[in-house]
Amino acid sequence: MTSGLGSQQPSQPLGSLLGRFYRFLRRPFYTVNVPSQTQPLRDILRLYALALVLVLPLAIMVGLLAEKLSSSHAISEMADQPLLIFTMAVIIAPPLEEVLFRLPLRYTPINLTLPLFLWLLIILGTLASAKIVSALWILPLLCLAFLGCVFLRVWLKEKMPAQPIHKHYEKWIGWFFYGSTIIFGLIHISNYQLINDSALLLAPLLVSPQVLLGVFFAFVRLRYGFWWGVFTHAFHNGLLVGQMLLYRMFSSTSMSTEVDKITVNQKLITVIFSLSQIAFLLLCLFIVVRMVHEWRAEGQVSQASS
């Protein structure tokens, strides 16, 4: 997934983690290869704590808004199929979405042609399900798309020098970075069963948590590598879906023939899960405060040296 131009391998970035993150978001920059990192897992988990602290208030607001719109989330529609939810959210969606949205953020021929083929496959499937294109045409068009992508990959690899393309990436990486996050967010509007077309006007608000997460995933992909992005995406989905499935599992096993006992058990389970969520959020807040202190200390050192 990375280029073979080893001479352009950047070194370990300096400065506090939050400072590096902030400076990158202000002005995204492109490197041919993934920068070397001494502790990627620690950095990513700390940044995830920041992402969660920022996303959680938005997610609560969006959930309340969706209830007002009488619009349910796709996961709630599959509540009685826990294995399907886990498979889709944790195993299938992260690598698929990372390939579609974040793999092309660093150039190689396969990094462009693989997402292109998958997008064509999705478009053809959508057109067929909407009966815009006859099912008889799907297989020939799919074969044509596959051959076209194979030809494009061979041409890029054999005939097109990589250096000019990297130069274009360096120039336009900010557009690629933020464009991919916006598209990633907007595509998730399909998760909601909206009651009418006018509700689509609220799409930017409904998908704002996904847009923020898209910024975080794109940063991880560019600064730590594609597979770290897949891991982070799967970790996030697994955390949310796993918590929901555990709550449903414990709630179902607590059922009794006595109504009063059901109520007590449900309240106890709700309290336990609520306390665990609060404890986890407090841990995330503590991590974020530490990151802010490191960033401020970095600024004070820079001022003292200048």
C-alpha atoms as a PDB file:
ATOM      1  CA  MET A   1       0.000   0.000   0.000  1.00  0.00           C
ATOM      2  CA  THR A   2       3.044   2.307   0.082  1.00  0.00           C
ATOM      3  CA  SER A   3       5.413   3.501  -2.576  1.00  0.00           C
ATOM      4  CA  GLY A   4       8.795   1.952  -3.156  1.00  0.00           C
ATOM      5  CA  LEU A   5      10.560   5.329  -3.110  1.00  0.00           C
ATOM      6  CA  GLY A   6      12.422   4.654   0.120  1.00  0.00           C
ATOM      7  CA  SER A   7      14.516   7.821  -0.169  1.00  0.00           C
ATOM      8  CA  GLN A   8      11.414   9.823   0.573  1.00  0.00           C
ATOM      9  CA  GLN A   9      10.666   8.011   3.808  1.00  0.00           C
ATOM     10  CA  PRO A  10      10.036  10.759   6.415  1.00  0.00           C
ATOM     11  CA  SER A  11      11.405  10.547   9.935  1.00  0.00           C
ATOM     12  CA  GLN A  12       9.538  10.428  13.220  1.00  0.00           C
ATOM     13  CA  PRO A  13       7.635  13.745  13.579  1.00  0.00           C
ATOM     14  CA  LEU A  14       8.525  16.003  16.499  1.00  0.00           C
ATOM     15  CA  GLY A  15       6.325  17.869  18.964  1.00  0.00           C
ATOM     16  CA  SER A  16       3.358  16.941  21.112  1.00  0.00           C
ATOM     17  CA  LEU A  17       0.735  14.604  19.672  1.00  0.00           C
ATOM     18  CA  LEU A  18      -2.073  17.163  19.867  1.00  0.00           C
ATOM     19  CA  GLY A  19       0.187  19.815  18.360  1.00  0.00           C
ATOM     20  CA  ARG A  20       1.031  17.564  15.409  1.00  0.00           C
ATOM     21  CA  PHE A  21      -2.638  16.739  14.920  1.00  0.00           C
ATOM     22  CA  TYR A  22      -3.691  20.392  15.033  1.00  0.00           C
ATOM     23  CA  ARG A  23      -0.963  21.520  12.633  1.00  0.00           C
ATOM     24  CA  PHE A  24      -1.862  18.766  10.187  1.00  0.00           C
ATOM     25  CA  LEU A  25      -5.559  19.695  10.220  1.00  0.00           C
ATOM     26  CA  ARG A  26      -4.674  23.348   9.611  1.00  0.00           C
ATOM     27  CA  ARG A  27      -2.495  22.430   6.658  1.00  0.00           C
ATOM     28  CA  PRO A  28      -2.561  18.781   5.544  1.00  0.00           C
ATOM     29  CA  PHE A  29       0.659  17.656   3.910  1.00  0.00           C
ATOM     30  CA  TYR A  30       1.560  14.634   1.846  1.00  0.00           C
ATOM     31  CA  THR A  31       4.447  12.181   2.106  1.00  0.00           C
ATOM     32  CA  VAL A  32       5.228   9.454  -0.403  1.00  0.00           C
ATOM     33  CA  ASN A  33       5.596   6.838   2.320  1.00  0.00           C
ATOM     34  CA  VAL A  34       4.154   6.470   5.814  1.00  0.00           C
ATOM     35  CA  PRO A  35       6.225   8.379   8.406  1.00  0.00           C
ATOM     36  CA  SER A  36       8.075   6.168  10.874  1.00  0.00           C
ATOM     37  CA  GLN A  37       6.412   6.069  14.292  1.00  0.00           C
ATOM     38  CA  THR A  38       7.830   4.813  17.599  1.00  0.00           C
ATOM     39  CA  GLN A  39       4.519   4.184  19.397  1.00  0.00           C
ATOM     40  CA  PRO A  40       1.637   4.176  16.902  1.00  0.00           C
ATOM     41  CA  LEU A  41      -0.852   2.249  19.051  1.00  0.00           C
ATOM     42  CA  ARG A  42      -0.433   4.607  22.031  1.00  0.00           C
ATOM     43  CA  ASP A  43      -0.772   7.679  19.828  1.00  0.00           C
ATOM     44  CA  ILE A  44      -3.839   6.359  18.017  1.00  0.00           C
ATOM     45  CA  LEU A  45      -5.648   5.393  21.215  1.00  0.00           C
ATOM     46  CA  ARG A  46      -4.939   8.832  22.704  1.00  0.00           C
ATOM     47  CA  LEU A  47      -6.249  10.529  19.571  1.00  0.00           C
ATOM     48  CA  TYR A  48      -9.290   8.250  19.673  1.00  0.00           C
ATOM     49  CA  ALA A  49     -10.023   9.522  23.186  1.00  0.00           C
ATOM     50  CA  LEU A  50     -10.043  13.046  21.755  1.00  0.00           C
ATOM     51  CA  ALA A  51     -12.288  11.997  18.853  1.00  0.00           C
ATOM     52  CA  LEU A  52     -14.731  10.325  21.237  1.00  0.00           C
ATOM     53  CA  VAL A  53     -14.942  13.378  23.502  1.00  0.00           C
ATOM     54  CA  LEU A  54     -15.735  15.551  20.479  1.00  0.00           C
ATOM     55  CA  VAL A  55     -18.110  13.132  18.756  1.00  0.00           C
ATOM     56  CA  LEU A  56     -20.180  12.002  21.744  1.00  0.00           C
ATOM     57  CA  PRO A  57     -22.093  15.290  22.288  1.00  0.00           C
ATOM     58  CA  LEU A  58     -22.847  15.437  18.563  1.00  0.00           C
ATOM     59  CA  ALA A  59     -24.008  11.816  18.549  1.00  0.00           C
ATOM     60  CA  ILE A  60     -26.419  12.477  21.437  1.00  0.00           C
ATOM     61  CA  MET A  61     -27.817  15.535  19.681  1.00  0.00           C
ATOM     62  CA  VAL A  62     -28.192  13.623  16.400  1.00  0.00           C
ATOM     63  CA  GLY A  63     -29.959  10.766  18.197  1.00  0.00           C
ATOM     64  CA  LEU A  64     -32.492  13.166  19.699  1.00  0.00           C
ATOM     65  CA  LEU A  65     -32.991  14.819  16.313  1.00  0.00           C
ATOM     66  CA  ALA A  66     -33.539  11.466  14.624  1.00  0.00           C
ATOM     67  CA  GLU A  67     -36.239  10.647  17.185  1.00  0.00           C
ATOM     68  CA  LYS A  68     -37.981  13.957  16.419  1.00  0.00           C
ATOM     69  CA  LEU A  69     -37.900  13.071  12.731  1.00  0.00           C
ATOM     70  CA  SER A  70     -39.267   9.596  13.483  1.00  0.00           C
ATOM     71  CA  SER A  71     -36.190   8.277  11.725  1.00  0.00           C
ATOM     72  CA  SER A  72     -34.521   5.078  12.921  1.00  0.00           C
ATOM     73  CA  HIS A  73     -30.923   4.003  12.429  1.00  0.00           C
ATOM     74  CA  ALA A  74     -30.070   0.976  10.300  1.00  0.00           C
ATOM     75  CA  ILE A  75     -28.538  -0.829  13.300  1.00  0.00           C
ATOM     76  CA  SER A  76     -31.800  -0.600  15.240  1.00  0.00           C
ATOM     77  CA  GLU A  77     -33.545  -2.268  12.317  1.00  0.00           C
ATOM     78  CA  MET A  78     -31.257  -5.309  12.759  1.00  0.00           C
ATOM     79  CA  ALA A  79     -31.455  -5.415  16.557  1.00  0.00           C
ATOM     80  CA  ASP A  80     -32.603  -9.049  16.573  1.00  0.00           C
ATOM     81  CA  GLN A  81     -29.619 -10.167  14.452  1.00  0.00           C
ATOM     82  CA  PRO A  82     -26.554  -9.532  16.670  1.00  0.00           C
ATOM     83  CA  LEU A  83     -24.185 -11.736  14.651  1.00  0.00           C
ATOM     84  CA  LEU A  84     -25.114  -9.892  11.450  1.00  0.00           C
ATOM     85  CA  ILE A  85     -24.635  -6.506  13.137  1.00  0.00           C
ATOM     86  CA  PHE A  86     -21.198  -7.472  14.465  1.00  0.00           C
ATOM     87  CA  THR A  87     -20.089  -8.957  11.130  1.00  0.00           C
ATOM     88  CA  MET A  88     -21.217  -5.940   9.132  1.00  0.00           C
ATOM     89  CA  ALA A  89     -19.963  -3.250  11.539  1.00  0.00           C
ATOM     90  CA  VAL A  90     -16.660  -4.741  12.714  1.00  0.00           C
ATOM     91  CA  ILE A  91     -15.462  -7.186  10.044  1.00  0.00           C
ATOM     92  CA  ILE A  92     -16.845  -5.995   6.692  1.00  0.00           C
ATOM     93  CA  ALA A  93     -17.441  -2.240   6.959  1.00  0.00           C
ATOM     94  CA  PRO A  94     -14.019  -1.039   8.268  1.00  0.00           C
ATOM     95  CA  PRO A  95     -11.761  -2.518   5.539  1.00  0.00           C
ATOM     96  CA  LEU A  96     -14.343  -1.800   2.818  1.00  0.00           C
ATOM     97  CA  GLU A  97     -14.860   1.831   3.818  1.00  0.00           C
ATOM     98  CA  GLU A  98     -11.153   2.415   4.368  1.00  0.00           C
ATOM     99  CA  VAL A  99     -10.435   1.133   0.857  1.00  0.00           C
ATOM    100  CA  LEU A 100     -13.199   3.259  -0.655  1.00  0.00           C
ATOM    101  CA  PHE A 101     -12.428   6.517   1.139  1.00  0.00           C
ATOM    102  CA  ARG A 102      -8.903   6.464   2.561  1.00  0.00           C
ATOM    103  CA  LEU A 103      -6.768   4.079   0.504  1.00  0.00           C
ATOM    104  CA  PRO A 104      -6.467   6.581  -2.422  1.00  0.00           C
ATOM    105  CA  LEU A 105      -5.078   9.277  -0.088  1.00  0.00           C
ATOM    106  CA  ARG A 106      -1.586   7.922  -0.757  1.00  0.00           C
ATOM    107  CA  TYR A 107      -0.767   7.140  -4.359  1.00  0.00           C
ATOM    108  CA  THR A 108       0.138   3.807  -5.885  1.00  0.00           C
ATOM    109  CA  PRO A 109      -1.551   2.300  -8.982  1.00  0.00           C
ATOM    110  CA  ILE A 110      -3.462  -0.260  -6.892  1.00  0.00           C
ATOM    111  CA  ASN A 111      -4.447   2.429  -4.360  1.00  0.00           C
ATOM    112  CA  LEU A 112      -6.334   4.191  -7.148  1.00  0.00           C
ATOM    113  CA  THR A 113      -7.687   1.320  -9.236  1.00  0.00           C
ATOM    114  CA  LEU A 114      -9.002  -0.923  -6.445  1.00  0.00           C
ATOM    115  CA  PRO A 115     -11.286   1.780  -4.937  1.00  0.00           C
ATOM    116  CA  LEU A 116     -12.329   2.810  -8.462  1.00  0.00           C
ATOM    117  CA  PHE A 117     -13.498  -0.734  -9.259  1.00  0.00           C
ATOM    118  CA  LEU A 118     -15.371  -1.013  -5.955  1.00  0.00           C
ATOM    119  CA  TRP A 119     -17.100   2.342  -6.571  1.00  0.00           C
ATOM    120  CA  LEU A 120     -18.145   1.185 -10.057  1.00  0.00           C
ATOM    121  CA  LEU A 121     -19.441  -2.050  -8.520  1.00  0.00           C
ATOM    122  CA  ILE A 122     -21.495  -0.102  -5.969  1.00  0.00           C
ATOM    123  CA  ILE A 123     -22.870   2.254  -8.633  1.00  0.00           C
ATOM    124  CA  LEU A 124     -23.867  -0.630 -10.894  1.00  0.00           C
ATOM    125  CA  GLY A 125     -25.541  -2.416  -7.981  1.00  0.00           C
ATOM    126  CA  THR A 126     -27.449   0.735  -7.041  1.00  0.00           C
ATOM    127  CA  LEU A 127     -28.607   1.303 -10.632  1.00  0.00           C
ATOM    128  CA  ALA A 128     -29.723  -2.306 -10.901  1.00  0.00           C
ATOM    129  CA  SER A 129     -31.641  -2.239  -7.608  1.00  0.00           C
ATOM    130  CA  ALA A 130     -33.363   0.974  -8.727  1.00  0.00           C
ATOM    131  CA  LYS A 131     -34.159  -0.738 -12.054  1.00  0.00           C
ATOM    132  CA  ILE A 132     -32.460   2.036 -13.976  1.00  0.00           C
ATOM    133  CA  VAL A 133     -30.186  -0.508 -15.627  1.00  0.00           C
ATOM    134  CA  SER A 134     -31.472  -3.894 -16.699  1.00  0.00           C
ATOM    135  CA  ALA A 135     -30.098  -6.872 -14.795  1.00  0.00           C
ATOM    136  CA  LEU A 136     -29.024  -8.352 -18.129  1.00  0.00           C
ATOM    137  CA  TRP A 137     -26.504  -5.533 -18.543  1.00  0.00           C
ATOM    138  CA  ILE A 138     -24.923  -5.845 -15.107  1.00  0.00           C
ATOM    139  CA  LEU A 139     -22.530  -8.705 -15.862  1.00  0.00           C
ATOM    140  CA  PRO A 140     -21.203  -7.233 -19.145  1.00  0.00           C
ATOM    141  CA  LEU A 141     -20.795  -3.798 -17.534  1.00  0.00           C
ATOM    142  CA  LEU A 142     -19.087  -5.351 -14.515  1.00  0.00           C
ATOM    143  CA  CYS A 143     -16.642  -7.203 -16.766  1.00  0.00           C
ATOM    144  CA  LEU A 144     -15.983  -3.987 -18.694  1.00  0.00           C
ATOM    145  CA  ALA A 145     -15.326  -2.101 -15.438  1.00  0.00           C
ATOM    146  CA  PHE A 146     -12.960  -4.821 -14.239  1.00  0.00           C
ATOM    147  CA  LEU A 147     -10.989  -4.883 -17.496  1.00  0.00           C
ATOM    148  CA  GLY A 148     -10.848  -1.087 -17.562  1.00  0.00           C
ATOM    149  CA  CYS A 149      -9.431  -0.954 -14.024  1.00  0.00           C
ATOM    150  CA  VAL A 150      -6.883  -3.660 -14.821  1.00  0.00           C
ATOM    151  CA  PHE A 151      -5.786  -1.748 -17.933  1.00  0.00           C
ATOM    152  CA  LEU A 152      -5.563   1.494 -15.926  1.00  0.00           C
ATOM    153  CA  ARG A 153      -3.421  -0.161 -13.254  1.00  0.00           C
ATOM    154  CA  VAL A 154      -1.022  -1.615 -15.853  1.00  0.00           C
ATOM    155  CA  TRP A 155      -0.795   1.747 -17.628  1.00  0.00           C
ATOM    156  CA  LEU A 156      -0.109   3.630 -14.390  1.00  0.00           C
ATOM    157  CA  LYS A 157       2.497   1.103 -13.311  1.00  0.00           C
ATOM    158  CA  GLU A 158       4.291   0.662 -16.641  1.00  0.00           C
ATOM    159  CA  LYS A 159       3.813   3.916 -18.516  1.00  0.00           C
ATOM    160  CA  MET A 160       3.089   6.689 -15.999  1.00  0.00           C
ATOM    161  CA  PRO A 161       5.964   7.916 -13.775  1.00  0.00           C
ATOM    162  CA  ALA A 162       4.936   8.113 -10.132  1.00  0.00           C
ATOM    163  CA  GLN A 163       6.802  11.316  -9.316  1.00  0.00           C
ATOM    164  CA  PRO A 164       4.494  13.738 -11.206  1.00  0.00           C
ATOM    165  CA  ILE A 165       1.447  12.162  -9.553  1.00  0.00           C
ATOM    166  CA  HIS A 166       3.050  12.532  -6.116  1.00  0.00           C
ATOM    167  CA  LYS A 167       3.634  16.204  -6.946  1.00  0.00           C
ATOM    168  CA  HIS A 168      -0.074  16.636  -7.685  1.00  0.00           C
ATOM    169  CA  TYR A 169      -0.902  14.882  -4.416  1.00  0.00           C
ATOM    170  CA  GLU A 170       1.369  17.283  -2.524  1.00  0.00           C
ATOM    171  CA  LYS A 171      -0.452  20.223  -4.112  1.00  0.00           C
ATOM    172  CA  TRP A 172      -4.037  18.994  -3.638  1.00  0.00           C
ATOM    173  CA  ILE A 173      -3.819  16.802  -0.541  1.00  0.00           C
ATOM    174  CA  GLY A 174      -5.912  19.242   1.534  1.00  0.00           C
ATOM    175  CA  TRP A 175      -8.792  18.912  -0.934  1.00  0.00           C
ATOM    176  CA  PHE A 176      -8.403  15.133  -1.041  1.00  0.00           C
ATOM    177  CA  PHE A 177      -8.218  14.895   2.750  1.00  0.00           C
ATOM    178  CA  TYR A 178     -11.282  16.981   3.598  1.00  0.00           C
ATOM    179  CA  GLY A 179     -13.206  15.934   0.490  1.00  0.00           C
ATOM    180  CA  SER A 180     -12.923  12.269   1.475  1.00  0.00           C
ATOM    181  CA  THR A 181     -14.141  13.011   5.010  1.00  0.00           C
ATOM    182  CA  ILE A 182     -17.192  14.945   3.775  1.00  0.00           C
ATOM    183  CA  ILE A 183     -18.152  12.224   1.286  1.00  0.00           C
ATOM    184  CA  PHE A 184     -17.588   9.576   3.976  1.00  0.00           C
ATOM    185  CA  GLY A 185     -19.972  11.427   6.265  1.00  0.00           C
ATOM    186  CA  LEU A 186     -22.667  12.119   3.677  1.00  0.00           C
ATOM    187  CA  ILE A 187     -22.737   8.509   2.470  1.00  0.00           C
ATOM    188  CA  HIS A 188     -23.875   7.520   5.978  1.00  0.00           C
ATOM    189  CA  ILE A 189     -27.183   9.342   5.527  1.00  0.00           C
ATOM    190  CA  SER A 190     -28.325   6.028   4.047  1.00  0.00           C
ATOM    191  CA  ASN A 191     -28.211   4.639   7.613  1.00  0.00           C
ATOM    192  CA  TYR A 192     -31.327   6.632   8.473  1.00  0.00           C
ATOM    193  CA  GLN A 193     -34.855   5.700   7.463  1.00  0.00           C
ATOM    194  CA  LEU A 194     -35.980   9.258   6.784  1.00  0.00           C
ATOM    195  CA  ILE A 195     -39.718   9.874   6.674  1.00  0.00           C
ATOM    196  CA  ASN A 196     -39.642  12.413   3.816  1.00  0.00           C
ATOM    197  CA  ASP A 197     -37.296  14.128   1.393  1.00  0.00           C
ATOM    198  CA  SER A 198     -37.351  17.397   3.335  1.00  0.00           C
ATOM    199  CA  ALA A 199     -35.503  15.662   6.164  1.00  0.00           C
ATOM    200  CA  LEU A 200     -32.550  15.319   3.781  1.00  0.00           C
ATOM    201  CA  LEU A 201     -31.939  19.034   4.359  1.00  0.00           C
ATOM    202  CA  LEU A 202     -30.716  18.026   7.807  1.00  0.00           C
ATOM    203  CA  ALA A 203     -28.290  15.478   6.346  1.00  0.00           C
ATOM    204  CA  PRO A 204     -25.137  17.519   7.191  1.00  0.00           C
ATOM    205  CA  LEU A 205     -26.203  17.631  10.840  1.00  0.00           C
ATOM    206  CA  LEU A 206     -27.254  13.980  10.982  1.00  0.00           C
ATOM    207  CA  VAL A 207     -23.908  12.793   9.624  1.00  0.00           C
ATOM    208  CA  SER A 208     -21.721  15.302  11.509  1.00  0.00           C
ATOM    209  CA  PRO A 209     -20.385  12.578  13.878  1.00  0.00           C
ATOM    210  CA  GLN A 210     -19.262  10.540  10.858  1.00  0.00           C
ATOM    211  CA  VAL A 211     -17.607  13.600   9.318  1.00  0.00           C
ATOM    212  CA  LEU A 212     -15.582  14.196  12.496  1.00  0.00           C
ATOM    213  CA  LEU A 213     -14.640  10.526  12.670  1.00  0.00           C
ATOM    214  CA  GLY A 214     -13.692  10.680   8.998  1.00  0.00           C
ATOM    215  CA  VAL A 215     -11.173  13.426   9.808  1.00  0.00           C
ATOM    216  CA  PHE A 216      -9.684  11.237  12.527  1.00  0.00           C
ATOM    217  CA  PHE A 217      -9.567   8.097  10.331  1.00  0.00           C
ATOM    218  CA  ALA A 218      -8.009  10.027   7.434  1.00  0.00           C
ATOM    219  CA  PHE A 219      -5.307  11.440   9.719  1.00  0.00           C
ATOM    220  CA  VAL A 220      -4.496   7.960  11.036  1.00  0.00           C
ATOM    221  CA  ARG A 221      -4.350   6.594   7.486  1.00  0.00           C
ATOM    222  CA  LEU A 222      -1.907   9.263   6.268  1.00  0.00           C
ATOM    223  CA  ARG A 223       0.325   9.524   9.334  1.00  0.00           C
ATOM    224  CA  TYR A 224       0.310   5.893  10.542  1.00  0.00           C
ATOM    225  CA  GLY A 225      -0.687   3.774   7.544  1.00  0.00           C
ATOM    226  CA  PHE A 226      -3.662   2.103   5.920  1.00  0.00           C
ATOM    227  CA  TRP A 227      -3.901  -0.923   8.216  1.00  0.00           C
ATOM    228  CA  TRP A 228      -3.769   1.240  11.324  1.00  0.00           C
ATOM    229  CA  GLY A 229      -6.762   3.066   9.847  1.00  0.00           C
ATOM    230  CA  VAL A 230      -8.613  -0.224   9.398  1.00  0.00           C
ATOM    231  CA  PHE A 231      -7.775  -1.246  12.969  1.00  0.00           C
ATOM    232  CA  THR A 232      -8.959   2.102  14.379  1.00  0.00           C
ATOM    233  CA  HIS A 233     -12.198   1.980  12.379  1.00  0.00           C
ATOM    234  CA  ALA A 234     -12.901  -1.604  13.492  1.00  0.00           C
ATOM    235  CA  PHE A 235     -12.031  -0.735  17.109  1.00  0.00           C
ATOM    236  CA  HIS A 236     -14.471   2.178  17.094  1.00  0.00           C
ATOM    237  CA  ASN A 237     -17.313   0.166  15.548  1.00  0.00           C
ATOM    238  CA  GLY A 238     -16.605  -2.785  17.821  1.00  0.00           C
ATOM    239  CA  LEU A 239     -16.671  -0.595  20.913  1.00  0.00           C
ATOM    240  CA  LEU A 240     -20.073   0.881  20.059  1.00  0.00           C
ATOM    241  CA  VAL A 241     -21.704  -2.245  18.671  1.00  0.00           C
ATOM    242  CA  GLY A 242     -20.203  -4.506  21.335  1.00  0.00           C
ATOM    243  CA  GLN A 243     -21.560  -2.308  24.099  1.00  0.00           C
ATOM    244  CA  MET A 244     -25.028  -2.331  22.524  1.00  0.00           C
ATOM    245  CA  LEU A 245     -25.004  -6.110  22.040  1.00  0.00           C
ATOM    246  CA  LEU A 246     -23.776  -6.739  25.587  1.00  0.00           C
ATOM    247  CA  TYR A 247     -26.544  -4.559  26.983  1.00  0.00           C
ATOM    248  CA  ARG A 248     -29.162  -6.446  24.975  1.00  0.00           C
ATOM    249  CA  MET A 249     -27.674  -9.807  25.971  1.00  0.00           C
ATOM    250  CA  PHE A 250     -27.701  -9.041  29.696  1.00  0.00           C
ATOM    251  CA  SER A 251     -31.167  -7.528  29.428  1.00  0.00           C
ATOM    252  CA  SER A 252     -32.564 -10.630  27.755  1.00  0.00           C
ATOM    253  CA  THR A 253     -30.956 -13.035  30.265  1.00  0.00           C
ATOM    254  CA  SER A 254     -32.389 -11.064  33.177  1.00  0.00           C
ATOM    255  CA  MET A 255     -35.968 -11.709  32.113  1.00  0.00           C
ATOM    256  CA  SER A 256     -38.192 -13.378  34.710  1.00  0.00           C
ATOM    257  CA  THR A 257     -41.832 -14.262  35.013  1.00  0.00           C
ATOM    258  CA  GLU A 258     -42.188 -11.723  37.818  1.00  0.00           C
ATOM    259  CA  VAL A 259     -42.802  -8.224  36.499  1.00  0.00           C
ATOM    260  CA  ASP A 260     -41.257  -6.517  39.538  1.00  0.00           C
ATOM    261  CA  LYS A 261     -38.085  -8.569  39.195  1.00  0.00           C
ATOM    262  CA  ILE A 262     -37.810  -7.678  35.511  1.00  0.00           C
ATOM    263  CA  THR A 263     -37.999  -3.989  36.385  1.00  0.00           C
ATOM    264  CA  VAL A 264     -35.332  -4.282  39.101  1.00  0.00           C
ATOM    265  CA  ASN A 265     -32.967  -6.248  36.868  1.00  0.00           C
ATOM    266  CA  GLN A 266     -33.405  -3.835  33.977  1.00  0.00           C
ATOM    267  CA  LYS A 267     -32.688  -0.856  36.222  1.00  0.00           C
ATOM    268  CA  LEU A 268     -29.621  -2.542  37.683  1.00  0.00           C
ATOM    269  CA  ILE A 269     -28.232  -3.372  34.240  1.00  0.00           C
ATOM    270  CA  THR A 270     -28.911   0.164  33.039  1.00  0.00           C
ATOM    271  CA  VAL A 271     -27.113   1.642  36.060  1.00  0.00           C
ATOM    272  CA  ILE A 272     -24.090  -0.645  35.594  1.00  0.00           C
ATOM    273  CA  PHE A 273     -23.758   0.175  31.903  1.00  0.00           C
ATOM    274  CA  SER A 274     -24.296   3.891  32.539  1.00  0.00           C
ATOM    275  CA  LEU A 275     -21.576   3.940  35.211  1.00  0.00           C
ATOM    276  CA  SER A 276     -19.169   2.081  32.925  1.00  0.00           C
ATOM    277  CA  GLN A 277     -19.846   4.595  30.160  1.00  0.00           C
ATOM    278  CA  ILE A 278     -19.263   7.511  32.511  1.00  0.00           C
ATOM    279  CA  ALA A 279     -16.016   5.950  33.776  1.00  0.00           C
ATOM    280  CA  PHE A 280     -14.805   5.407  30.209  1.00  0.00           C
ATOM    281  CA  LEU A 281     -15.697   8.974  29.246  1.00  0.00           C
ATOM    282  CA  LEU A 282     -13.863  10.337  32.306  1.00  0.00           C
ATOM    283  CA  LEU A 283     -10.803   8.322  31.291  1.00  0.00           C
ATOM    284  CA  CYS A 284     -11.018   9.842  27.806  1.00  0.00           C
ATOM    285  CA  LEU A 285     -11.334  13.334  29.308  1.00  0.00           C
ATOM    286  CA  PHE A 286      -8.279  12.711  31.505  1.00  0.00           C
ATOM    287  CA  ILE A 287      -6.280  11.645  28.435  1.00  0.00           C
ATOM    288  CA  VAL A 288      -7.407  14.731  26.506  1.00  0.00           C
ATOM    289  CA  VAL A 289      -6.447  17.039  29.407  1.00  0.00           C
ATOM    290  CA  ARG A 290      -2.985  15.446  29.501  1.00  0.00           C
ATOM    291  CA  MET A 291      -2.645  15.988  25.752  1.00  0.00           C
ATOM    292  CA  VAL A 292      -3.635  19.652  26.121  1.00  0.00           C
ATOM    293  CA  HIS A 293      -1.040  20.132  28.893  1.00  0.00           C
ATOM    294  CA  GLU A 294       1.653  18.582  26.666  1.00  0.00           C
ATOM    295  CA  TRP A 295       0.659  20.897  23.831  1.00  0.00           C
ATOM    296  CA  ARG A 296       0.764  23.973  26.064  1.00  0.00           C
ATOM    297  CA  ALA A 297       4.158  22.943  27.407  1.00  0.00           C
ATOM    298  CA  GLU A 298       5.380  22.582  23.841  1.00  0.00           C
ATOM    299  CA  GLY A 299       4.197  26.137  23.087  1.00  0.00           C
ATOM    300  CA  GLN A 300       5.922  27.529  26.183  1.00  0.00           C
ATOM    301  CA  VAL A 301       9.199  25.847  25.206  1.00  0.00           C
ATOM    302  CA  SER A 302       8.920  27.279  21.676  1.00  0.00           C
ATOM    303  CA  GLN A 303       8.335  30.787  23.044  1.00  0.00           C
ATOM    304  CA  ALA A 304      11.264  30.489  25.459  1.00  0.00           C
ATOM    305  CA  SER A 305      13.647  29.342  22.724  1.00  0.00           C
ATOM    306  CA  SER A 306      12.562  32.106  20.331  1.00  0.00           C
END
